[in-house]
Protein backbone atom coordinates (compact mmCIF):
# COMPACT_ATOMS: atom_id res chain seq x y z
CA MET A 1 -24.11 -167.82 -14.44
CA GLU A 2 -25.68 -169.34 -11.40
CA VAL A 3 -25.83 -173.09 -11.07
CA SER A 4 -29.54 -173.06 -10.22
CA PHE A 5 -30.28 -171.10 -13.41
CA LEU A 6 -28.29 -173.51 -15.56
CA LEU A 7 -29.84 -176.50 -13.84
CA SER A 8 -33.40 -175.28 -14.38
CA LYS A 9 -32.74 -174.47 -18.04
CA GLY A 10 -31.08 -177.87 -18.54
CA ILE A 11 -34.01 -179.71 -16.98
CA THR A 12 -36.45 -177.78 -19.17
CA LEU A 13 -34.45 -178.64 -22.28
CA VAL A 14 -34.16 -182.33 -21.42
CA LEU A 15 -37.86 -182.67 -20.58
CA SER A 16 -38.97 -180.94 -23.76
CA LEU A 17 -36.67 -183.11 -25.85
CA VAL A 18 -38.02 -186.25 -24.16
CA VAL A 19 -41.58 -185.17 -24.99
CA ALA A 20 -40.47 -184.40 -28.56
CA TYR A 21 -38.88 -187.84 -28.88
CA LEU A 22 -41.99 -189.58 -27.55
CA ALA A 23 -44.21 -187.59 -29.91
CA TYR A 24 -41.95 -188.47 -32.85
CA HIS A 25 -41.99 -192.11 -31.83
CA GLY A 26 -45.80 -191.92 -31.73
CA TYR A 27 -45.77 -190.42 -35.21
CA ARG A 28 -43.58 -193.25 -36.52
CA ARG A 29 -45.91 -195.85 -35.01
CA SER A 30 -49.23 -194.34 -36.02
CA GLY A 31 -48.33 -192.21 -39.02
CA GLN A 32 -50.53 -189.38 -37.72
CA LYS A 33 -49.15 -186.05 -38.91
CA PRO A 34 -50.26 -184.05 -35.82
CA MET A 35 -47.79 -186.01 -33.69
CA LEU A 36 -45.02 -184.74 -35.94
CA TYR A 37 -46.16 -181.16 -35.27
CA VAL A 38 -46.15 -181.82 -31.52
CA SER A 39 -42.63 -183.19 -31.77
CA GLY A 40 -41.36 -180.19 -33.71
CA GLY A 41 -43.17 -177.80 -31.39
CA PHE A 42 -41.50 -179.20 -28.30
CA VAL A 43 -38.09 -179.02 -29.94
CA PHE A 44 -38.67 -175.30 -30.53
CA ILE A 45 -39.95 -174.83 -26.98
CA GLY A 46 -36.91 -176.60 -25.52
CA VAL A 47 -34.43 -174.69 -27.62
CA GLY A 48 -36.24 -171.45 -26.84
CA ALA A 49 -35.94 -172.19 -23.15
CA ILE A 50 -32.16 -172.09 -23.25
CA CYS A 51 -31.48 -169.62 -26.04
CA GLU A 52 -32.13 -166.43 -24.07
CA GLY A 53 -29.23 -166.97 -21.69
CA LEU A 54 -26.94 -168.19 -24.46
CA ILE A 55 -27.67 -165.23 -26.72
CA TYR A 56 -27.20 -162.81 -23.85
CA GLN A 57 -23.91 -164.36 -22.71
CA VAL A 58 -22.31 -165.38 -26.02
CA PHE A 59 -23.28 -162.47 -28.25
CA GLY A 60 -23.38 -159.79 -25.55
CA THR A 61 -26.76 -158.46 -26.61
CA THR A 62 -29.21 -156.71 -24.36
CA ILE A 63 -31.50 -158.88 -22.27
CA ALA A 64 -34.48 -157.37 -24.10
CA SER A 65 -33.26 -158.49 -27.52
CA ALA A 66 -32.35 -161.94 -26.19
CA ALA A 67 -35.84 -162.22 -24.66
CA LEU A 68 -37.38 -161.20 -27.98
CA VAL A 69 -35.55 -164.00 -29.80
CA GLN A 70 -36.59 -166.47 -27.11
CA GLY A 71 -40.20 -165.34 -27.36
CA ILE A 72 -40.23 -165.80 -31.13
CA ILE A 73 -38.75 -169.32 -30.90
CA VAL A 74 -41.05 -170.47 -28.09
CA SER A 75 -44.08 -168.93 -29.81
CA SER A 76 -43.20 -170.81 -32.99
CA GLY A 77 -43.18 -174.04 -31.00
CA MET A 78 -46.53 -173.22 -29.46
CA VAL A 79 -47.97 -172.54 -32.93
CA LEU A 80 -46.85 -176.00 -34.03
CA VAL A 81 -48.50 -177.60 -31.00
CA LEU A 82 -51.65 -175.58 -31.67
CA LEU A 83 -51.65 -176.72 -35.29
CA SER A 84 -51.42 -180.33 -34.16
CA LEU A 85 -54.53 -179.89 -32.04
CA TRP A 86 -56.35 -177.98 -34.71
CA LYS A 87 -55.71 -180.50 -37.50
CA GLN A 88 -57.40 -183.38 -35.68
C-alpha cells in the first residue's frame, strides 16, 4: 500500500476518534443523549474510513465488496449523527 494512502486513512481515523471523544466528553458533562449518538456515529465513520483497505488486503475480497462493507459502516455512523440532530 502506498504511504500517502495509509497516511490519509490514519489522519481520517484519528480525527474522527478525536471528535467522538469530545462528543462523549460533552455527553458526560451535560448528560444530553444526542451527544452520545454523535460520539457513536463518528466512531463508525472513522472505522468505516479504514475498513475498506483492510478488508481488501487482509481477506482478499474484491474491491466492490470491501467498498460495500465500508459504505454500510459509514452510513450507519451517519444515521447516528442524523438521529442526534433529529432528537433535539
